[in-house]
C-alpha atoms as a PDB file:
ATOM      1  CA  MET A   1       2.006  -2.383  -5.192  1.00  0.00           C
ATOM      2  CA  ILE A   2      -0.595  -4.904  -5.859  1.00  0.00           C
ATOM      3  CA  GLY A   3      -1.100  -5.734  -2.244  1.00  0.00           C
ATOM      4  CA  TYR A   4       0.538  -7.373   0.728  1.00  0.00           C
ATOM      5  CA  PHE A   5       0.385 -10.258   3.147  1.00  0.00           C
ATOM      6  CA  GLY A   6       1.988  -8.967   6.373  1.00  0.00           C
ATOM      7  CA  GLU A   7       5.654  -8.140   5.604  1.00  0.00           C
ATOM      8  CA  VAL A   8       5.364  -9.651   2.027  1.00  0.00           C
ATOM      9  CA  ILE A   9       4.751  -7.084  -0.489  1.00  0.00           C
ATOM     10  CA  PHE A  10       3.230  -7.897  -3.797  1.00  0.00           C
ATOM     11  CA  GLU A  11       4.626  -5.848  -6.480  1.00  0.00           C
ATOM     12  CA  THR A  12       5.751  -5.692 -10.016  1.00  0.00           C
ATOM     13  CA  ASN A  13       8.178  -2.892 -11.418  1.00  0.00           C
ATOM     14  CA  ASP A  14      11.267  -2.668 -13.474  1.00  0.00           C
ATOM     15  CA  ARG A  15      13.484  -3.892 -10.432  1.00  0.00           C
ATOM     16  CA  ARG A  16      11.677  -6.281  -8.724  1.00  0.00           C
ATOM     17  CA  ILE A  17       8.635  -8.847  -9.212  1.00  0.00           C
ATOM     18  CA  CYS A  18       7.249 -10.509  -6.200  1.00  0.00           C
ATOM     19  CA  THR A  19       3.507 -11.652  -6.841  1.00  0.00           C
ATOM     20  CA  PHE A  20       1.331 -14.509  -6.561  1.00  0.00           C
ATOM     21  CA  ASN A  21      -0.630 -16.851  -8.814  1.00  0.00           C
ATOM     22  CA  ASN A  22      -3.691 -19.109  -8.565  1.00  0.00           C
ATOM     23  CA  LEU A  23      -5.252 -17.379  -5.621  1.00  0.00           C
ATOM     24  CA  LYS A  24      -8.114 -19.628  -4.382  1.00  0.00           C
ATOM     25  CA  ARG A  25     -10.654 -18.277  -1.553  1.00  0.00           C
ATOM     26  CA  THR A  26     -12.746 -20.630   0.498  1.00  0.00           C
ATOM     27  CA  ILE A  27     -15.816 -19.112   2.092  1.00  0.00           C
ATOM     28  CA  SER A  28     -18.224 -21.607   3.838  1.00  0.00           C
ATOM     29  CA  ALA A  29     -21.011 -21.751   6.757  1.00  0.00           C
ATOM     30  CA  SER A  30     -21.656 -24.090   9.554  1.00  0.00           C
ATOM     31  CA  TYR A  31     -25.014 -25.741   9.954  1.00  0.00           C
ATOM     32  CA  SER A  32     -26.667 -28.214  12.594  1.00  0.00           C
ATOM     33  CA  GLU A  33     -29.010 -30.841  10.930  1.00  0.00           C
ATOM     34  CA  HIS A  34     -32.046 -31.690  13.116  1.00  0.00           C
ATOM     35  CA  LYS A  35     -33.533 -35.202  12.305  1.00  0.00           C
ATOM     36  CA  ARG A  36     -37.320 -35.065  12.044  1.00  0.00           C
ATOM     37  CA  TYR A  37     -39.626 -38.301  12.180  1.00  0.00           C
ATOM     38  CA  ARG A  38     -40.859 -38.992   8.708  1.00  0.00           C
ATOM     39  CA  LYS A  39     -39.830 -35.957   7.577  1.00  0.00           C
ATOM     40  CA  LYS A  40     -36.811 -34.214   5.940  1.00  0.00           C
ATOM     41  CA  SER A  41     -34.020 -32.930   8.056  1.00  0.00           C
ATOM     42  CA  GLU A  42     -34.264 -29.454   9.001  1.00  0.00           C
ATOM     43  CA  LEU A  43     -30.985 -27.150   8.895  1.00  0.00           C
ATOM     44  CA  GLU A  44     -30.228 -24.698  11.401  1.00  0.00           C
ATOM     45  CA  PHE A  45     -27.635 -21.847  10.346  1.00  0.00           C
ATOM     46  CA  GLU A  46     -24.938 -21.724  13.110  1.00  0.00           C
ATOM     47  CA  GLY A  47     -22.691 -19.008  11.585  1.00  0.00           C
ATOM     48  CA  PRO A  48     -19.787 -18.428   8.990  1.00  0.00           C
ATOM     49  CA  GLN A  49     -16.698 -20.372   9.266  1.00  0.00           C
ATOM     50  CA  ASN A  50     -13.047 -18.877   8.988  1.00  0.00           C
ATOM     51  CA  GLN A  51     -12.245 -18.292   5.136  1.00  0.00           C
ATOM     52  CA  GLY A  52      -9.338 -19.763   3.835  1.00  0.00           C
ATOM     53  CA  VAL A  53      -6.887 -18.922   0.873  1.00  0.00           C
ATOM     54  CA  THR A  54      -4.126 -20.766  -1.070  1.00  0.00           C
ATOM     55  CA  PHE A  55      -1.905 -19.129  -3.289  1.00  0.00           C
ATOM     56  CA  GLU A  56       1.405 -19.702  -5.252  1.00  0.00           C
ATOM     57  CA  MET A  57       4.519 -17.527  -5.262  1.00  0.00           C
ATOM     58  CA  LYS A  58       7.772 -17.950  -7.360  1.00  0.00           C
ATOM     59  CA  PHE A  59      10.892 -16.230  -6.072  1.00  0.00           C
ATOM     60  CA  ILE A  60      13.539 -15.804  -8.792  1.00  0.00           C
ATOM     61  CA  ALA A  61      16.780 -14.195  -7.981  1.00  0.00           C
ATOM     62  CA  GLY A  62      17.157 -12.526 -11.309  1.00  0.00           C
ATOM     63  CA  HIS A  63      13.775 -10.827 -10.650  1.00  0.00           C
ATOM     64  CA  GLY A  64      15.168  -8.674  -7.914  1.00  0.00           C
ATOM     65  CA  VAL A  65      14.226 -10.844  -4.882  1.00  0.00           C
ATOM     66  CA  ARG A  66      16.412 -13.194  -2.657  1.00  0.00           C
ATOM     67  CA  PRO A  67      14.762 -16.400  -2.854  1.00  0.00           C
ATOM     68  CA  TRP A  68      16.516 -17.864   0.508  1.00  0.00           C
ATOM     69  CA  SER A  69      15.454 -14.524   2.511  1.00  0.00           C
ATOM     70  CA  MET A  70      11.850 -14.852   1.214  1.00  0.00           C
ATOM     71  CA  VAL A  71      11.349 -18.252   2.182  1.00  0.00           C
ATOM     72  CA  HIS A  72      12.824 -17.676   5.574  1.00  0.00           C
ATOM     73  CA  LYS A  73      10.470 -15.077   6.105  1.00  0.00           C
ATOM     74  CA  ILE A  74       7.407 -16.704   5.119  1.00  0.00           C
ATOM     75  CA  THR A  75       8.516 -19.748   7.223  1.00  0.00           C
ATOM     76  CA  LEU A  76       9.024 -17.780  10.229  1.00  0.00           C
ATOM     77  CA  MET A  77       5.522 -16.138   9.756  1.00  0.00           C
ATOM     78  CA  CYS A  78       4.140 -19.758   9.628  1.00  0.00           C
ATOM     79  CA  GLU A  79       6.099 -21.336  12.532  1.00  0.00           C
ATOM     80  CA  GLN A  80       5.626 -18.373  15.057  1.00  0.00           C
ATOM     81  CA  GLY A  81       1.972 -17.907  14.396  1.00  0.00           C
ATOM     82  CA  VAL A  82       2.440 -14.374  13.105  1.00  0.00           C
ATOM     83  CA  VAL A  83      -1.088 -12.775  12.526  1.00  0.00           C
ATOM     84  CA  ASN A  84      -1.248 -10.681   9.392  1.00  0.00           C
ATOM     85  CA  SER A  85      -3.269  -8.392   7.396  1.00  0.00           C
ATOM     86  CA  PHE A  86      -3.999  -9.587   3.767  1.00  0.00           C
ATOM     87  CA  VAL A  87      -4.687  -6.758   1.423  1.00  0.00           C
ATOM     88  CA  LEU A  88      -5.273  -6.805  -2.349  1.00  0.00           C
ATOM     89  CA  GLY A  89      -5.702  -3.750  -4.607  1.00  0.00           C
ATOM     90  CA  GLY A  90      -6.267  -1.654  -1.256  1.00  0.00           C
ATOM     91  CA  HIS A  91      -8.977  -3.920  -0.082  1.00  0.00           C
ATOM     92  CA  LYS A  92      -8.812  -6.236   2.779  1.00  0.00           C
ATOM     93  CA  VAL A  93      -9.568  -9.934   2.085  1.00  0.00           C
ATOM     94  CA  GLY A  94     -11.920 -11.421   4.485  1.00  0.00           C
ATOM     95  CA  GLY A  95     -13.147  -9.788   7.636  1.00  0.00           C
ATOM     96  CA  GLY A  96     -10.053  -9.844   9.688  1.00  0.00           C
ATOM     97  CA  LYS A  97      -6.349 -10.874  10.029  1.00  0.00           C
ATOM     98  CA  TRP A  98      -4.888 -14.014   8.640  1.00  0.00           C
ATOM     99  CA  VAL A  99      -2.222 -16.581   9.666  1.00  0.00           C
ATOM    100  CA  ILE A 100      -0.373 -19.021   7.301  1.00  0.00           C
ATOM    101  CA  THR A 101      -1.124 -22.716   8.418  1.00  0.00           C
ATOM    102  CA  GLY A 102       1.011 -24.239   5.692  1.00  0.00           C
ATOM    103  CA  ILE A 103       3.830 -23.728   3.023  1.00  0.00           C
ATOM    104  CA  ASP A 104       4.710 -26.213   0.392  1.00  0.00           C
ATOM    105  CA  GLU A 105       7.991 -25.374  -1.132  1.00  0.00           C
ATOM    106  CA  ASP A 106       9.445 -26.678  -4.355  1.00  0.00           C
ATOM    107  CA  TYR A 107      13.115 -25.691  -5.186  1.00  0.00           C
ATOM    108  CA  LYS A 108      13.496 -25.356  -8.946  1.00  0.00           C
ATOM    109  CA  GLU A 109      16.830 -24.333  -9.228  1.00  0.00           C
ATOM    110  CA  VAL A 110      20.098 -24.574  -6.624  1.00  0.00           C
ATOM    111  CA  TRP A 111      23.431 -24.000  -7.975  1.00  0.00           C
ATOM    112  CA  ASN A 112      26.513 -26.032  -6.895  1.00  0.00           C
ATOM    113  CA  HIS A 113      27.479 -24.133  -3.703  1.00  0.00           C
ATOM    114  CA  GLY A 114      23.742 -24.268  -2.410  1.00  0.00           C
ATOM    115  CA  GLU A 115      22.810 -20.798  -3.854  1.00  0.00           C
ATOM    116  CA  LEU A 116      18.974 -20.947  -4.320  1.00  0.00           C
ATOM    117  CA  VAL A 117      18.216 -19.195  -7.687  1.00  0.00           C
ATOM    118  CA  SER A 118      14.431 -20.325  -7.934  1.00  0.00           C
ATOM    119  CA  VAL A 119      11.753 -21.595  -5.836  1.00  0.00           C
ATOM    120  CA  ALA A 120       8.036 -22.072  -5.934  1.00  0.00           C
ATOM    121  CA  ILE A 121       5.861 -22.013  -2.770  1.00  0.00           C
ATOM    122  CA  THR A 122       2.196 -22.800  -2.111  1.00  0.00           C
ATOM    123  CA  VAL A 123       0.992 -20.713   0.895  1.00  0.00           C
ATOM    124  CA  THR A 124      -2.118 -21.760   2.859  1.00  0.00           C
ATOM    125  CA  ALA A 125      -3.814 -19.299   5.179  1.00  0.00           C
ATOM    126  CA  LYS A 126      -6.770 -19.107   7.471  1.00  0.00           C
ATOM    127  CA  GLU A 127      -8.684 -16.194   8.645  1.00  0.00           C
ATOM    128  CA  TYR A 128      -7.681 -15.369  12.222  1.00  0.00           C
ATOM    129  CA  LEU A 129     -10.352 -13.236  13.912  1.00  0.00           C
END
């Protein structure tokens, strides 16, 4: 197991491929700017902002996953505001739990009776403390 995001387990073995690509993490801080007469403004550190991540996943029926089932599971996590742990290689990502704030779906291959064979999704998530 590579890691997991809630109920979605990232793994690669001889029966199943369920991984992600292009993980991008955003870390930032918040500052207030105080204007000063005839001088440069002074910045005051207010604190860290919630981290964010985006990553891509491909679900292919021939790789031991059920694309409709995986898309449905991730959609429910987003629409119901499910709070999840995000772990990679045994290490927690960020300082707390995460929520999925958005999903983009790209249906790559659908057969004539509506059977989804291949789908690519982009998941956007934010730290939920």
